[in-house]
Amino acid sequence: MARILLTLDQAAERTGISKATFRWLRHQDRGPKFGVIAGRLRIYEDDLERWIERELESTATGGAA
């Protein structure tokens, strides 16, 4: 199965996180795994989804135990 590669614009649109925030997170080594292809930031869709899941799990509160 081929992995889907997203642009920074697509990642921002899908998550509601601004491009500037993604750039800042990348600079801080805290965001999802991005790479540079032809001078542009790219991210695999599944890497973005895994990062979102990890962030939600690490900050989750409430709910039944």
PDB file of N, CA and C in Angstrom:
ATOM      1  N   MET A   1       0.839  -1.187   0.000  1.00  0.00           N
ATOM      2  CA  MET A   1       0.000   0.000   0.000  1.00  0.00           C
ATOM      3  C   MET A   1       0.883   1.248   0.000  1.00  0.00           C
ATOM      4  N   ALA A   2       0.613   2.144  -0.898  1.00  0.00           N
ATOM      5  CA  ALA A   2       1.405   3.365  -1.005  1.00  0.00           C
ATOM      6  C   ALA A   2       1.026   4.343   0.101  1.00  0.00           C
ATOM      7  N   ARG A   3       2.028   4.951   0.684  1.00  0.00           N
ATOM      8  CA  ARG A   3       1.783   5.952   1.724  1.00  0.00           C
ATOM      9  C   ARG A   3       1.421   7.275   1.068  1.00  0.00           C
ATOM     10  N   ILE A   4       0.536   8.026   1.708  1.00  0.00           N
ATOM     11  CA  ILE A   4       0.078   9.312   1.177  1.00  0.00           C
ATOM     12  C   ILE A   4       0.938  10.415   1.773  1.00  0.00           C
ATOM     13  N   LEU A   5       1.496  11.228   0.913  1.00  0.00           N
ATOM     14  CA  LEU A   5       2.362  12.328   1.318  1.00  0.00           C
ATOM     15  C   LEU A   5       1.557  13.626   1.283  1.00  0.00           C
ATOM     16  N   LEU A   6       1.584  14.376   2.385  1.00  0.00           N
ATOM     17  CA  LEU A   6       0.827  15.626   2.484  1.00  0.00           C
ATOM     18  C   LEU A   6       1.757  16.831   2.446  1.00  0.00           C
ATOM     19  N   THR A   7       1.233  17.942   1.955  1.00  0.00           N
ATOM     20  CA  THR A   7       1.943  19.211   2.052  1.00  0.00           C
ATOM     21  C   THR A   7       1.654  19.827   3.418  1.00  0.00           C
ATOM     22  N   LEU A   8       2.389  20.847   3.765  1.00  0.00           N
ATOM     23  CA  LEU A   8       2.144  21.562   5.014  1.00  0.00           C
ATOM     24  C   LEU A   8       0.734  22.164   5.001  1.00  0.00           C
ATOM     25  N   ASP A   9       0.309  22.697   3.862  1.00  0.00           N
ATOM     26  CA  ASP A   9      -1.051  23.244   3.743  1.00  0.00           C
ATOM     27  C   ASP A   9      -2.101  22.179   4.038  1.00  0.00           C
ATOM     28  N   GLN A  10      -1.921  20.993   3.487  1.00  0.00           N
ATOM     29  CA  GLN A  10      -2.882  19.915   3.708  1.00  0.00           C
ATOM     30  C   GLN A  10      -2.911  19.475   5.168  1.00  0.00           C
ATOM     31  N   ALA A  11      -1.736  19.372   5.796  1.00  0.00           N
ATOM     32  CA  ALA A  11      -1.678  18.993   7.203  1.00  0.00           C
ATOM     33  C   ALA A  11      -2.379  20.041   8.060  1.00  0.00           C
ATOM     34  N   ALA A  12      -2.157  21.306   7.752  1.00  0.00           N
ATOM     35  CA  ALA A  12      -2.795  22.390   8.507  1.00  0.00           C
ATOM     36  C   ALA A  12      -4.310  22.361   8.314  1.00  0.00           C
ATOM     37  N   GLU A  13      -4.756  22.136   7.105  1.00  0.00           N
ATOM     38  CA  GLU A  13      -6.193  22.094   6.823  1.00  0.00           C
ATOM     39  C   GLU A  13      -6.866  20.924   7.543  1.00  0.00           C
ATOM     40  N   ARG A  14      -6.230  19.772   7.547  1.00  0.00           N
ATOM     41  CA  ARG A  14      -6.819  18.581   8.173  1.00  0.00           C
ATOM     42  C   ARG A  14      -6.894  18.684   9.687  1.00  0.00           C
ATOM     43  N   THR A  15      -5.945  19.394  10.296  1.00  0.00           N
ATOM     44  CA  THR A  15      -5.875  19.425  11.754  1.00  0.00           C
ATOM     45  C   THR A  15      -6.399  20.709  12.378  1.00  0.00           C
ATOM     46  N   GLY A  16      -6.460  21.775  11.597  1.00  0.00           N
ATOM     47  CA  GLY A  16      -6.815  23.069  12.158  1.00  0.00           C
ATOM     48  C   GLY A  16      -5.652  23.740  12.871  1.00  0.00           C
ATOM     49  N   ILE A  17      -4.464  23.164  12.738  1.00  0.00           N
ATOM     50  CA  ILE A  17      -3.243  23.735  13.319  1.00  0.00           C
ATOM     51  C   ILE A  17      -2.589  24.584  12.235  1.00  0.00           C
ATOM     52  N   SER A  18      -2.223  25.804  12.589  1.00  0.00           N
ATOM     53  CA  SER A  18      -1.666  26.699  11.577  1.00  0.00           C
ATOM     54  C   SER A  18      -0.310  26.206  11.056  1.00  0.00           C
ATOM     55  N   LYS A  19       0.024  26.652   9.867  1.00  0.00           N
ATOM     56  CA  LYS A  19       1.325  26.310   9.295  1.00  0.00           C
ATOM     57  C   LYS A  19       2.451  26.852  10.170  1.00  0.00           C
ATOM     58  N   ALA A  20       2.252  28.044  10.710  1.00  0.00           N
ATOM     59  CA  ALA A  20       3.269  28.636  11.581  1.00  0.00           C
ATOM     60  C   ALA A  20       3.488  27.777  12.832  1.00  0.00           C
ATOM     61  N   THR A  21       2.414  27.245  13.393  1.00  0.00           N
ATOM     62  CA  THR A  21       2.541  26.384  14.574  1.00  0.00           C
ATOM     63  C   THR A  21       3.270  25.104  14.217  1.00  0.00           C
ATOM     64  N   PHE A  22       2.940  24.504  13.069  1.00  0.00           N
ATOM     65  CA  PHE A  22       3.670  23.309  12.642  1.00  0.00           C
ATOM     66  C   PHE A  22       5.157  23.614  12.487  1.00  0.00           C
ATOM     67  N   ARG A  23       5.492  24.756  11.912  1.00  0.00           N
ATOM     68  CA  ARG A  23       6.907  25.123  11.743  1.00  0.00           C
ATOM     69  C   ARG A  23       7.587  25.295  13.094  1.00  0.00           C
ATOM     70  N   TRP A  24       6.895  25.940  14.041  1.00  0.00           N
ATOM     71  CA  TRP A  24       7.448  26.141  15.373  1.00  0.00           C
ATOM     72  C   TRP A  24       7.651  24.796  16.072  1.00  0.00           C
ATOM     73  N   LEU A  25       6.639  23.905  15.996  1.00  0.00           N
ATOM     74  CA  LEU A  25       6.757  22.582  16.597  1.00  0.00           C
ATOM     75  C   LEU A  25       7.930  21.817  15.994  1.00  0.00           C
ATOM     76  N   ARG A  26       8.107  21.925  14.694  1.00  0.00           N
ATOM     77  CA  ARG A  26       9.227  21.241  14.026  1.00  0.00           C
ATOM     78  C   ARG A  26      10.549  21.788  14.537  1.00  0.00           C
ATOM     79  N   HIS A  27      10.628  23.101  14.660  1.00  0.00           N
ATOM     80  CA  HIS A  27      11.848  23.741  15.172  1.00  0.00           C
ATOM     81  C   HIS A  27      12.151  23.280  16.600  1.00  0.00           C
ATOM     82  N   GLN A  28      11.115  23.038  17.389  1.00  0.00           N
ATOM     83  CA  GLN A  28      11.270  22.598  18.769  1.00  0.00           C
ATOM     84  C   GLN A  28      11.412  21.073  18.891  1.00  0.00           C
ATOM     85  N   ASP A  29      11.409  20.361  17.777  1.00  0.00           N
ATOM     86  CA  ASP A  29      11.436  18.889  17.752  1.00  0.00           C
ATOM     87  C   ASP A  29      10.266  18.292  18.533  1.00  0.00           C
ATOM     88  N   ARG A  30       9.113  18.915  18.435  1.00  0.00           N
ATOM     89  CA  ARG A  30       7.941  18.462  19.173  1.00  0.00           C
ATOM     90  C   ARG A  30       6.783  18.064  18.264  1.00  0.00           C
ATOM     91  N   GLY A  31       6.856  18.370  17.019  1.00  0.00           N
ATOM     92  CA  GLY A  31       5.749  18.087  16.117  1.00  0.00           C
ATOM     93  C   GLY A  31       5.880  16.736  15.451  1.00  0.00           C
ATOM     94  N   PRO A  32       5.004  16.487  14.495  1.00  0.00           N
ATOM     95  CA  PRO A  32       5.089  15.236  13.740  1.00  0.00           C
ATOM     96  C   PRO A  32       6.358  15.221  12.892  1.00  0.00           C
ATOM     97  N   LYS A  33       6.696  14.050  12.389  1.00  0.00           N
ATOM     98  CA  LYS A  33       7.908  13.889  11.587  1.00  0.00           C
ATOM     99  C   LYS A  33       7.688  14.478  10.192  1.00  0.00           C
ATOM    100  N   PHE A  34       8.348  15.597   9.910  1.00  0.00           N
ATOM    101  CA  PHE A  34       8.307  16.234   8.596  1.00  0.00           C
ATOM    102  C   PHE A  34       9.611  15.968   7.873  1.00  0.00           C
ATOM    103  N   GLY A  35       9.577  16.044   6.567  1.00  0.00           N
ATOM    104  CA  GLY A  35      10.774  15.970   5.751  1.00  0.00           C
ATOM    105  C   GLY A  35      10.718  17.062   4.704  1.00  0.00           C
ATOM    106  N   VAL A  36      11.836  17.333   4.089  1.00  0.00           N
ATOM    107  CA  VAL A  36      11.898  18.351   3.046  1.00  0.00           C
ATOM    108  C   VAL A  36      12.149  17.662   1.717  1.00  0.00           C
ATOM    109  N   ILE A  37      11.244  17.906   0.791  1.00  0.00           N
ATOM    110  CA  ILE A  37      11.378  17.380  -0.570  1.00  0.00           C
ATOM    111  C   ILE A  37      11.257  18.568  -1.516  1.00  0.00           C
ATOM    112  N   ALA A  38      12.263  18.749  -2.339  1.00  0.00           N
ATOM    113  CA  ALA A  38      12.297  19.853  -3.305  1.00  0.00           C
ATOM    114  C   ALA A  38      12.059  21.197  -2.608  1.00  0.00           C
ATOM    115  N   GLY A  39      12.636  21.342  -1.403  1.00  0.00           N
ATOM    116  CA  GLY A  39      12.548  22.603  -0.689  1.00  0.00           C
ATOM    117  C   GLY A  39      11.238  22.845   0.038  1.00  0.00           C
ATOM    118  N   ARG A  40      10.359  21.853   0.055  1.00  0.00           N
ATOM    119  CA  ARG A  40       9.042  22.008   0.700  1.00  0.00           C
ATOM    120  C   ARG A  40       8.863  20.969   1.797  1.00  0.00           C
ATOM    121  N   LEU A  41       8.239  21.393   2.905  1.00  0.00           N
ATOM    122  CA  LEU A  41       7.940  20.451   3.982  1.00  0.00           C
ATOM    123  C   LEU A  41       6.854  19.479   3.546  1.00  0.00           C
ATOM    124  N   ARG A  42       7.068  18.213   3.873  1.00  0.00           N
ATOM    125  CA  ARG A  42       6.099  17.162   3.569  1.00  0.00           C
ATOM    126  C   ARG A  42       5.966  16.258   4.778  1.00  0.00           C
ATOM    127  N   ILE A  43       4.809  15.616   4.899  1.00  0.00           N
ATOM    128  CA  ILE A  43       4.576  14.680   5.993  1.00  0.00           C
ATOM    129  C   ILE A  43       3.714  13.544   5.473  1.00  0.00           C
ATOM    130  N   TYR A  44       4.035  12.333   5.905  1.00  0.00           N
ATOM    131  CA  TYR A  44       3.186  11.207   5.562  1.00  0.00           C
ATOM    132  C   TYR A  44       1.910  11.280   6.394  1.00  0.00           C
ATOM    133  N   GLU A  45       0.798  11.002   5.747  1.00  0.00           N
ATOM    134  CA  GLU A  45      -0.501  11.066   6.406  1.00  0.00           C
ATOM    135  C   GLU A  45      -0.549  10.193   7.663  1.00  0.00           C
ATOM    136  N   ASP A  46      -0.019   8.981   7.574  1.00  0.00           N
ATOM    137  CA  ASP A  46      -0.069   8.087   8.732  1.00  0.00           C
ATOM    138  C   ASP A  46       0.824   8.585   9.874  1.00  0.00           C
ATOM    139  N   ASP A  47       1.931   9.282   9.567  1.00  0.00           N
ATOM    140  CA  ASP A  47       2.766   9.870  10.617  1.00  0.00           C
ATOM    141  C   ASP A  47       2.006  10.991  11.331  1.00  0.00           C
ATOM    142  N   LEU A  48       1.255  11.784  10.574  1.00  0.00           N
ATOM    143  CA  LEU A  48       0.451  12.843  11.165  1.00  0.00           C
ATOM    144  C   LEU A  48      -0.618  12.260  12.080  1.00  0.00           C
ATOM    145  N   GLU A  49      -1.290  11.223  11.630  1.00  0.00           N
ATOM    146  CA  GLU A  49      -2.337  10.590  12.441  1.00  0.00           C
ATOM    147  C   GLU A  49      -1.760   9.998  13.726  1.00  0.00           C
ATOM    148  N   ARG A  50      -0.597   9.349  13.641  1.00  0.00           N
ATOM    149  CA  ARG A  50       0.041   8.788  14.839  1.00  0.00           C
ATOM    150  C   ARG A  50       0.428   9.883  15.829  1.00  0.00           C
ATOM    151  N   TRP A  51       0.953  10.987  15.327  1.00  0.00           N
ATOM    152  CA  TRP A  51       1.331  12.097  16.187  1.00  0.00           C
ATOM    153  C   TRP A  51       0.102  12.660  16.899  1.00  0.00           C
ATOM    154  N   ILE A  52      -1.003  12.824  16.180  1.00  0.00           N
ATOM    155  CA  ILE A  52      -2.238  13.318  16.792  1.00  0.00           C
ATOM    156  C   ILE A  52      -2.692  12.372  17.892  1.00  0.00           C
ATOM    157  N   GLU A  53      -2.673  11.075  17.623  1.00  0.00           N
ATOM    158  CA  GLU A  53      -3.079  10.088  18.634  1.00  0.00           C
ATOM    159  C   GLU A  53      -2.195  10.176  19.877  1.00  0.00           C
ATOM    160  N   ARG A  54      -0.882  10.279  19.685  1.00  0.00           N
ATOM    161  CA  ARG A  54       0.036  10.385  20.828  1.00  0.00           C
ATOM    162  C   ARG A  54      -0.229  11.652  21.639  1.00  0.00           C
ATOM    163  N   GLU A  55      -0.459  12.763  20.950  1.00  0.00           N
ATOM    164  CA  GLU A  55      -0.738  14.017  21.642  1.00  0.00           C
ATOM    165  C   GLU A  55      -2.022  13.918  22.451  1.00  0.00           C
ATOM    166  N   LEU A  56      -3.065  13.338  21.869  1.00  0.00           N
ATOM    167  CA  LEU A  56      -4.332  13.199  22.582  1.00  0.00           C
ATOM    168  C   LEU A  56      -4.187  12.274  23.777  1.00  0.00           C
ATOM    169  N   GLU A  57      -3.484  11.167  23.610  1.00  0.00           N
ATOM    170  CA  GLU A  57      -3.290  10.218  24.718  1.00  0.00           C
ATOM    171  C   GLU A  57      -2.491  10.851  25.856  1.00  0.00           C
ATOM    172  N   SER A  58      -1.513  11.652  25.525  1.00  0.00           N
ATOM    173  CA  SER A  58      -0.656  12.223  26.569  1.00  0.00           C
ATOM    174  C   SER A  58      -1.329  13.366  27.314  1.00  0.00           C
ATOM    175  N   THR A  59      -2.404  13.906  26.766  1.00  0.00           N
ATOM    176  CA  THR A  59      -3.071  15.038  27.407  1.00  0.00           C
ATOM    177  C   THR A  59      -4.507  14.731  27.805  1.00  0.00           C
ATOM    178  N   ALA A  60      -4.930  13.476  27.659  1.00  0.00           N
ATOM    179  CA  ALA A  60      -6.318  13.104  27.927  1.00  0.00           C
ATOM    180  C   ALA A  60      -6.648  13.238  29.409  1.00  0.00           C
ATOM    181  N   THR A  61      -7.852  13.726  29.671  1.00  0.00           N
ATOM    182  CA  THR A  61      -8.361  13.809  31.034  1.00  0.00           C
ATOM    183  C   THR A  61      -9.830  13.375  31.042  1.00  0.00           C
ATOM    184  N   GLY A  62     -10.313  13.054  32.203  1.00  0.00           N
ATOM    185  CA  GLY A  62     -11.723  12.703  32.354  1.00  0.00           C
ATOM    186  C   GLY A  62     -12.035  11.330  31.811  1.00  0.00           C
ATOM    187  N   GLY A  63     -13.314  11.034  31.759  1.00  0.00           N
ATOM    188  CA  GLY A  63     -13.756   9.736  31.253  1.00  0.00           C
ATOM    189  C   GLY A  63     -13.677   8.668  32.315  1.00  0.00           C
ATOM    190  N   ALA A  64     -14.226   7.527  32.004  1.00  0.00           N
ATOM    191  CA  ALA A  64     -14.218   6.397  32.938  1.00  0.00           C
ATOM    192  C   ALA A  64     -12.842   5.755  32.985  1.00  0.00           C
ATOM    193  N   ALA A  65     -12.465   5.294  34.160  1.00  0.00           N
ATOM    194  CA  ALA A  65     -11.160   4.652  34.335  1.00  0.00           C
ATOM    195  C   ALA A  65     -11.163   3.218  33.882  1.00  0.00           C
TER     196      ALA A  65
END
